[in-house]
Amino acid sequence: MSEIKEKPDRRVKRTRQAIQDALIVLIRDKGFEAVTVQEIVERADVNRSTFYFHFQDKYDLLEQSNREMLEAFAASLQEPRDTPPPCRLANMDSATKHFEHIAANAAYYQVMLGERGVPSFAKQMKQAIAEAFYQKLDIVLTDEHGAAIPREILCGYVASAHFGLIEWWLENDLMYSPSYMVNALNQLVKFGPVRAAGY
């Protein structure tokens, strides 16, 4: 690919990011419904025509931004294809990358999961976690070694616990490192809250 083509691509990406960043700050400050396109373009320092080149309106901007972030969130939950099956429920390296993704986009997640965020965003996060864990169970559990309780219940429990941990971490300004959070999550998933607490 030529340098001439790469530069416009980078410029487009930076412009879209500036607009999306402006949206998040404004949602944090006043809530989505109160935000106007004019405020977004002023904060992003772009023309209205530039905004409308990329997005139909503020609702389209929100939808595209959330979709892109949720796709990245789901991708961060996936295990490398070469991970040995016995390790797929507690792969520290892969899970650390997942928490690193959240840390790198903390401002976005804090707003979307906060009081002025979008309720459906949290629901979609939980669904992505549940689907990823279900896939891991499909690999690890064979017909000879089935789950003691229905997989749907296991996935629902793990998704809620995992999401709750992420939410707590964000609310407390990421006071622990991604690797520490991965270890805490693994302890809770493998041993449950009672044994993980040392009882």
C-alpha atoms as a PDB file:
ATOM      1  CA  MET A   1       0.000   0.000   0.000  1.00  0.00           C
ATOM      2  CA  SER A   2       1.357   3.399  -0.936  1.00  0.00           C
ATOM      3  CA  GLU A   3       2.141   6.130   1.565  1.00  0.00           C
ATOM      4  CA  ILE A   4      -0.361   8.383  -0.236  1.00  0.00           C
ATOM      5  CA  LYS A   5      -3.194   5.986   0.571  1.00  0.00           C
ATOM      6  CA  GLU A   6      -2.070   5.339   4.145  1.00  0.00           C
ATOM      7  CA  LYS A   7      -2.089   9.010   5.161  1.00  0.00           C
ATOM      8  CA  PRO A   8      -5.779   9.656   4.330  1.00  0.00           C
ATOM      9  CA  ASP A   9      -6.696   6.410   6.110  1.00  0.00           C
ATOM     10  CA  ARG A  10      -4.901   7.528   9.259  1.00  0.00           C
ATOM     11  CA  ARG A  11      -6.474  10.967   9.005  1.00  0.00           C
ATOM     12  CA  VAL A  12      -9.966   9.466   8.701  1.00  0.00           C
ATOM     13  CA  LYS A  13      -9.320   7.241  11.697  1.00  0.00           C
ATOM     14  CA  ARG A  14      -8.099  10.192  13.789  1.00  0.00           C
ATOM     15  CA  THR A  15     -11.133  12.256  12.789  1.00  0.00           C
ATOM     16  CA  ARG A  16     -13.582   9.511  13.706  1.00  0.00           C
ATOM     17  CA  GLN A  17     -11.767   8.975  17.003  1.00  0.00           C
ATOM     18  CA  ALA A  18     -11.914  12.681  17.823  1.00  0.00           C
ATOM     19  CA  ILE A  19     -15.663  12.723  17.186  1.00  0.00           C
ATOM     20  CA  GLN A  20     -16.232   9.590  19.263  1.00  0.00           C
ATOM     21  CA  ASP A  21     -14.083  10.940  22.102  1.00  0.00           C
ATOM     22  CA  ALA A  22     -16.070  14.171  22.070  1.00  0.00           C
ATOM     23  CA  LEU A  23     -19.316  12.221  22.316  1.00  0.00           C
ATOM     24  CA  ILE A  24     -18.119  10.282  25.358  1.00  0.00           C
ATOM     25  CA  VAL A  25     -17.014  13.417  27.214  1.00  0.00           C
ATOM     26  CA  LEU A  26     -20.324  15.131  26.487  1.00  0.00           C
ATOM     27  CA  ILE A  27     -22.371  12.110  27.576  1.00  0.00           C
ATOM     28  CA  ARG A  28     -20.386  12.059  30.803  1.00  0.00           C
ATOM     29  CA  ASP A  29     -21.042  15.751  31.376  1.00  0.00           C
ATOM     30  CA  LYS A  30     -24.710  16.076  30.422  1.00  0.00           C
ATOM     31  CA  GLY A  31     -26.199  12.775  29.235  1.00  0.00           C
ATOM     32  CA  PHE A  32     -26.752  11.598  25.656  1.00  0.00           C
ATOM     33  CA  GLU A  33     -30.189  13.095  25.053  1.00  0.00           C
ATOM     34  CA  ALA A  34     -28.959  16.589  25.935  1.00  0.00           C
ATOM     35  CA  VAL A  35     -25.972  16.394  23.560  1.00  0.00           C
ATOM     36  CA  THR A  36     -26.222  18.163  20.195  1.00  0.00           C
ATOM     37  CA  VAL A  37     -24.268  17.618  16.996  1.00  0.00           C
ATOM     38  CA  GLN A  38     -23.040  21.210  17.214  1.00  0.00           C
ATOM     39  CA  GLU A  39     -21.506  20.531  20.628  1.00  0.00           C
ATOM     40  CA  ILE A  40     -19.869  17.370  19.310  1.00  0.00           C
ATOM     41  CA  VAL A  41     -18.230  19.089  16.326  1.00  0.00           C
ATOM     42  CA  GLU A  42     -17.083  22.012  18.437  1.00  0.00           C
ATOM     43  CA  ARG A  43     -15.443  19.748  20.982  1.00  0.00           C
ATOM     44  CA  ALA A  44     -13.923  17.510  18.299  1.00  0.00           C
ATOM     45  CA  ASP A  45     -12.805  20.596  16.354  1.00  0.00           C
ATOM     46  CA  VAL A  46     -14.269  19.409  13.055  1.00  0.00           C
ATOM     47  CA  ASN A  47     -16.779  20.876  10.588  1.00  0.00           C
ATOM     48  CA  ARG A  48     -20.415  19.777  10.577  1.00  0.00           C
ATOM     49  CA  SER A  49     -19.908  18.530   7.020  1.00  0.00           C
ATOM     50  CA  THR A  50     -17.090  16.305   8.275  1.00  0.00           C
ATOM     51  CA  PHE A  51     -19.351  14.901  10.978  1.00  0.00           C
ATOM     52  CA  TYR A  52     -22.111  14.120   8.473  1.00  0.00           C
ATOM     53  CA  PHE A  53     -19.612  12.508   6.118  1.00  0.00           C
ATOM     54  CA  HIS A  54     -19.040   9.834   8.763  1.00  0.00           C
ATOM     55  CA  PHE A  55     -22.340   9.705  10.654  1.00  0.00           C
ATOM     56  CA  GLN A  56     -26.002  10.359   9.870  1.00  0.00           C
ATOM     57  CA  ASP A  57     -26.727  11.922  13.257  1.00  0.00           C
ATOM     58  CA  LYS A  58     -25.777  11.573  16.915  1.00  0.00           C
ATOM     59  CA  TYR A  59     -27.743   8.321  17.192  1.00  0.00           C
ATOM     60  CA  ASP A  60     -25.784   6.793  14.340  1.00  0.00           C
ATOM     61  CA  LEU A  61     -22.575   7.992  16.005  1.00  0.00           C
ATOM     62  CA  LEU A  62     -23.559   6.325  19.275  1.00  0.00           C
ATOM     63  CA  GLU A  63     -24.592   3.096  17.556  1.00  0.00           C
ATOM     64  CA  GLN A  64     -21.401   2.835  15.498  1.00  0.00           C
ATOM     65  CA  SER A  65     -19.195   3.708  18.472  1.00  0.00           C
ATOM     66  CA  ASN A  66     -20.825   1.130  20.722  1.00  0.00           C
ATOM     67  CA  ARG A  67     -20.758  -1.530  18.024  1.00  0.00           C
ATOM     68  CA  GLU A  68     -17.039  -1.007  17.401  1.00  0.00           C
ATOM     69  CA  MET A  69     -16.218  -1.096  21.114  1.00  0.00           C
ATOM     70  CA  LEU A  70     -18.355  -4.183  21.747  1.00  0.00           C
ATOM     71  CA  GLU A  71     -16.731  -5.983  18.808  1.00  0.00           C
ATOM     72  CA  ALA A  72     -13.307  -5.191  20.266  1.00  0.00           C
ATOM     73  CA  PHE A  73     -14.543  -6.316  23.700  1.00  0.00           C
ATOM     74  CA  ALA A  74     -15.779  -9.643  22.297  1.00  0.00           C
ATOM     75  CA  ALA A  75     -12.538 -10.150  20.360  1.00  0.00           C
ATOM     76  CA  SER A  76     -10.519  -9.586  23.542  1.00  0.00           C
ATOM     77  CA  LEU A  77     -12.382 -12.498  25.155  1.00  0.00           C
ATOM     78  CA  GLN A  78     -11.335 -14.983  22.491  1.00  0.00           C
ATOM     79  CA  GLU A  79      -8.584 -17.510  23.144  1.00  0.00           C
ATOM     80  CA  PRO A  80      -5.675 -17.942  20.716  1.00  0.00           C
ATOM     81  CA  ARG A  81      -6.377 -20.866  18.402  1.00  0.00           C
ATOM     82  CA  ASP A  82      -3.241 -22.693  19.549  1.00  0.00           C
ATOM     83  CA  THR A  83      -4.192 -22.639  23.253  1.00  0.00           C
ATOM     84  CA  PRO A  84      -4.284 -26.229  24.622  1.00  0.00           C
ATOM     85  CA  PRO A  85      -7.898 -27.225  25.521  1.00  0.00           C
ATOM     86  CA  PRO A  86      -7.198 -27.988  29.229  1.00  0.00           C
ATOM     87  CA  CYS A  87      -6.014 -24.395  29.730  1.00  0.00           C
ATOM     88  CA  ARG A  88      -8.880 -22.596  28.032  1.00  0.00           C
ATOM     89  CA  LEU A  89     -10.917 -21.920  31.154  1.00  0.00           C
ATOM     90  CA  ALA A  90      -8.048 -20.214  32.936  1.00  0.00           C
ATOM     91  CA  ASN A  91      -5.647 -18.816  30.376  1.00  0.00           C
ATOM     92  CA  MET A  92      -3.876 -15.997  32.222  1.00  0.00           C
ATOM     93  CA  ASP A  93      -2.171 -14.495  29.160  1.00  0.00           C
ATOM     94  CA  SER A  94      -5.379 -14.276  27.140  1.00  0.00           C
ATOM     95  CA  ALA A  95      -7.469 -12.983  30.049  1.00  0.00           C
ATOM     96  CA  THR A  96      -4.844 -10.364  30.865  1.00  0.00           C
ATOM     97  CA  LYS A  97      -5.165  -8.996  27.320  1.00  0.00           C
ATOM     98  CA  HIS A  98      -8.910  -8.738  27.914  1.00  0.00           C
ATOM     99  CA  PHE A  99      -8.468  -6.610  31.037  1.00  0.00           C
ATOM    100  CA  GLU A 100      -5.784  -4.589  29.272  1.00  0.00           C
ATOM    101  CA  HIS A 101      -8.329  -3.779  26.560  1.00  0.00           C
ATOM    102  CA  ILE A 102     -10.733  -2.497  29.209  1.00  0.00           C
ATOM    103  CA  ALA A 103      -7.986  -0.442  30.845  1.00  0.00           C
ATOM    104  CA  ALA A 104      -6.996   1.099  27.505  1.00  0.00           C
ATOM    105  CA  ASN A 105     -10.613   2.148  26.936  1.00  0.00           C
ATOM    106  CA  ALA A 106     -11.539   2.844  30.556  1.00  0.00           C
ATOM    107  CA  ALA A 107     -13.045   6.285  29.901  1.00  0.00           C
ATOM    108  CA  TYR A 108     -15.435   4.817  27.339  1.00  0.00           C
ATOM    109  CA  TYR A 109     -16.536   1.938  29.554  1.00  0.00           C
ATOM    110  CA  GLN A 110     -16.885   4.146  32.625  1.00  0.00           C
ATOM    111  CA  VAL A 111     -19.274   6.445  30.768  1.00  0.00           C
ATOM    112  CA  MET A 112     -21.281   3.730  29.025  1.00  0.00           C
ATOM    113  CA  LEU A 113     -21.720   1.778  32.264  1.00  0.00           C
ATOM    114  CA  GLY A 114     -22.315   4.874  34.379  1.00  0.00           C
ATOM    115  CA  GLU A 115     -25.541   6.648  35.320  1.00  0.00           C
ATOM    116  CA  ARG A 116     -25.636   8.523  32.013  1.00  0.00           C
ATOM    117  CA  GLY A 117     -24.631   5.575  29.870  1.00  0.00           C
ATOM    118  CA  VAL A 118     -26.683   3.262  27.660  1.00  0.00           C
ATOM    119  CA  PRO A 119     -28.338   0.323  29.529  1.00  0.00           C
ATOM    120  CA  SER A 120     -28.197  -1.974  26.499  1.00  0.00           C
ATOM    121  CA  PHE A 121     -24.397  -1.643  26.432  1.00  0.00           C
ATOM    122  CA  ALA A 122     -24.048  -3.542  29.728  1.00  0.00           C
ATOM    123  CA  LYS A 123     -26.443  -6.240  28.529  1.00  0.00           C
ATOM    124  CA  GLN A 124     -24.408  -6.760  25.362  1.00  0.00           C
ATOM    125  CA  MET A 125     -21.194  -6.985  27.366  1.00  0.00           C
ATOM    126  CA  LYS A 126     -22.674  -9.721  29.550  1.00  0.00           C
ATOM    127  CA  GLN A 127     -23.895 -11.578  26.469  1.00  0.00           C
ATOM    128  CA  ALA A 128     -20.398 -11.465  24.925  1.00  0.00           C
ATOM    129  CA  ILE A 129     -18.897 -12.867  28.142  1.00  0.00           C
ATOM    130  CA  ALA A 130     -21.500 -15.636  28.340  1.00  0.00           C
ATOM    131  CA  GLU A 131     -20.939 -16.635  24.705  1.00  0.00           C
ATOM    132  CA  ALA A 132     -17.162 -16.713  25.134  1.00  0.00           C
ATOM    133  CA  PHE A 133     -17.415 -18.868  28.256  1.00  0.00           C
ATOM    134  CA  TYR A 134     -19.919 -21.210  26.570  1.00  0.00           C
ATOM    135  CA  GLN A 135     -17.441 -21.738  23.735  1.00  0.00           C
ATOM    136  CA  LYS A 136     -14.736 -22.612  26.264  1.00  0.00           C
ATOM    137  CA  LEU A 137     -17.033 -25.109  27.960  1.00  0.00           C
ATOM    138  CA  ASP A 138     -17.804 -26.732  24.618  1.00  0.00           C
ATOM    139  CA  ILE A 139     -14.089 -27.358  24.142  1.00  0.00           C
ATOM    140  CA  VAL A 140     -13.233 -28.442  27.679  1.00  0.00           C
ATOM    141  CA  LEU A 141     -16.291 -30.525  28.571  1.00  0.00           C
ATOM    142  CA  THR A 142     -16.773 -33.740  26.646  1.00  0.00           C
ATOM    143  CA  ASP A 143     -19.761 -36.083  26.697  1.00  0.00           C
ATOM    144  CA  GLU A 144     -17.932 -38.208  29.269  1.00  0.00           C
ATOM    145  CA  HIS A 145     -17.248 -35.206  31.510  1.00  0.00           C
ATOM    146  CA  GLY A 146     -20.426 -33.172  31.398  1.00  0.00           C
ATOM    147  CA  ALA A 147     -21.254 -30.225  33.592  1.00  0.00           C
ATOM    148  CA  ALA A 148     -22.939 -30.939  36.934  1.00  0.00           C
ATOM    149  CA  ILE A 149     -25.459 -28.176  36.219  1.00  0.00           C
ATOM    150  CA  PRO A 150     -26.774 -26.864  32.864  1.00  0.00           C
ATOM    151  CA  ARG A 151     -24.221 -24.909  30.898  1.00  0.00           C
ATOM    152  CA  GLU A 152     -26.655 -22.010  30.467  1.00  0.00           C
ATOM    153  CA  ILE A 153     -26.710 -21.565  34.250  1.00  0.00           C
ATOM    154  CA  LEU A 154     -22.916 -21.772  34.464  1.00  0.00           C
ATOM    155  CA  CYS A 155     -22.531 -19.199  31.705  1.00  0.00           C
ATOM    156  CA  GLY A 156     -25.094 -16.872  33.253  1.00  0.00           C
ATOM    157  CA  TYR A 157     -23.325 -17.056  36.629  1.00  0.00           C
ATOM    158  CA  VAL A 158     -19.853 -16.507  35.191  1.00  0.00           C
ATOM    159  CA  ALA A 159     -21.027 -13.666  32.921  1.00  0.00           C
ATOM    160  CA  SER A 160     -22.647 -11.832  35.829  1.00  0.00           C
ATOM    161  CA  ALA A 161     -19.627 -12.359  38.098  1.00  0.00           C
ATOM    162  CA  HIS A 162     -17.169 -11.367  35.381  1.00  0.00           C
ATOM    163  CA  PHE A 163     -19.173  -8.274  34.459  1.00  0.00           C
ATOM    164  CA  GLY A 164     -19.566  -7.335  38.119  1.00  0.00           C
ATOM    165  CA  LEU A 165     -15.810  -7.501  38.565  1.00  0.00           C
ATOM    166  CA  ILE A 166     -15.240  -5.269  35.529  1.00  0.00           C
ATOM    167  CA  GLU A 167     -17.848  -2.800  36.761  1.00  0.00           C
ATOM    168  CA  TRP A 168     -16.309  -2.666  40.240  1.00  0.00           C
ATOM    169  CA  TRP A 169     -12.828  -2.181  38.763  1.00  0.00           C
ATOM    170  CA  LEU A 170     -13.975   0.727  36.616  1.00  0.00           C
ATOM    171  CA  GLU A 171     -15.919   2.344  39.471  1.00  0.00           C
ATOM    172  CA  ASN A 172     -12.758   2.213  41.589  1.00  0.00           C
ATOM    173  CA  ASP A 173     -10.541   3.798  38.921  1.00  0.00           C
ATOM    174  CA  LEU A 174      -8.676   0.593  38.044  1.00  0.00           C
ATOM    175  CA  MET A 175      -6.957   0.440  41.440  1.00  0.00           C
ATOM    176  CA  TYR A 176      -5.518  -3.006  40.647  1.00  0.00           C
ATOM    177  CA  SER A 177      -3.515  -4.121  37.623  1.00  0.00           C
ATOM    178  CA  PRO A 178      -5.051  -6.194  34.796  1.00  0.00           C
ATOM    179  CA  SER A 179      -3.018  -9.236  35.871  1.00  0.00           C
ATOM    180  CA  TYR A 180      -4.288  -8.901  39.451  1.00  0.00           C
ATOM    181  CA  MET A 181      -7.882  -8.734  38.211  1.00  0.00           C
ATOM    182  CA  VAL A 182      -7.357 -11.803  36.046  1.00  0.00           C
ATOM    183  CA  ASN A 183      -6.059 -13.743  39.029  1.00  0.00           C
ATOM    184  CA  ALA A 184      -9.046 -12.623  41.125  1.00  0.00           C
ATOM    185  CA  LEU A 185     -11.465 -13.634  38.383  1.00  0.00           C
ATOM    186  CA  ASN A 186      -9.844 -17.044  37.961  1.00  0.00           C
ATOM    187  CA  GLN A 187      -9.956 -17.692  41.694  1.00  0.00           C
ATOM    188  CA  LEU A 188     -13.639 -16.800  41.826  1.00  0.00           C
ATOM    189  CA  VAL A 189     -14.544 -18.880  38.763  1.00  0.00           C
ATOM    190  CA  LYS A 190     -12.520 -21.937  39.808  1.00  0.00           C
ATOM    191  CA  PHE A 191     -13.280 -21.982  43.527  1.00  0.00           C
ATOM    192  CA  GLY A 192     -16.340 -19.793  44.071  1.00  0.00           C
ATOM    193  CA  PRO A 193     -16.561 -16.796  46.429  1.00  0.00           C
ATOM    194  CA  VAL A 194     -16.444 -18.801  49.667  1.00  0.00           C
ATOM    195  CA  ARG A 195     -13.223 -20.732  48.934  1.00  0.00           C
ATOM    196  CA  ALA A 196     -11.675 -17.721  47.174  1.00  0.00           C
ATOM    197  CA  ALA A 197     -12.210 -15.764  50.412  1.00  0.00           C
ATOM    198  CA  GLY A 198     -10.198 -18.397  52.304  1.00  0.00           C
ATOM    199  CA  TYR A 199     -13.018 -20.252  54.073  1.00  0.00           C
END
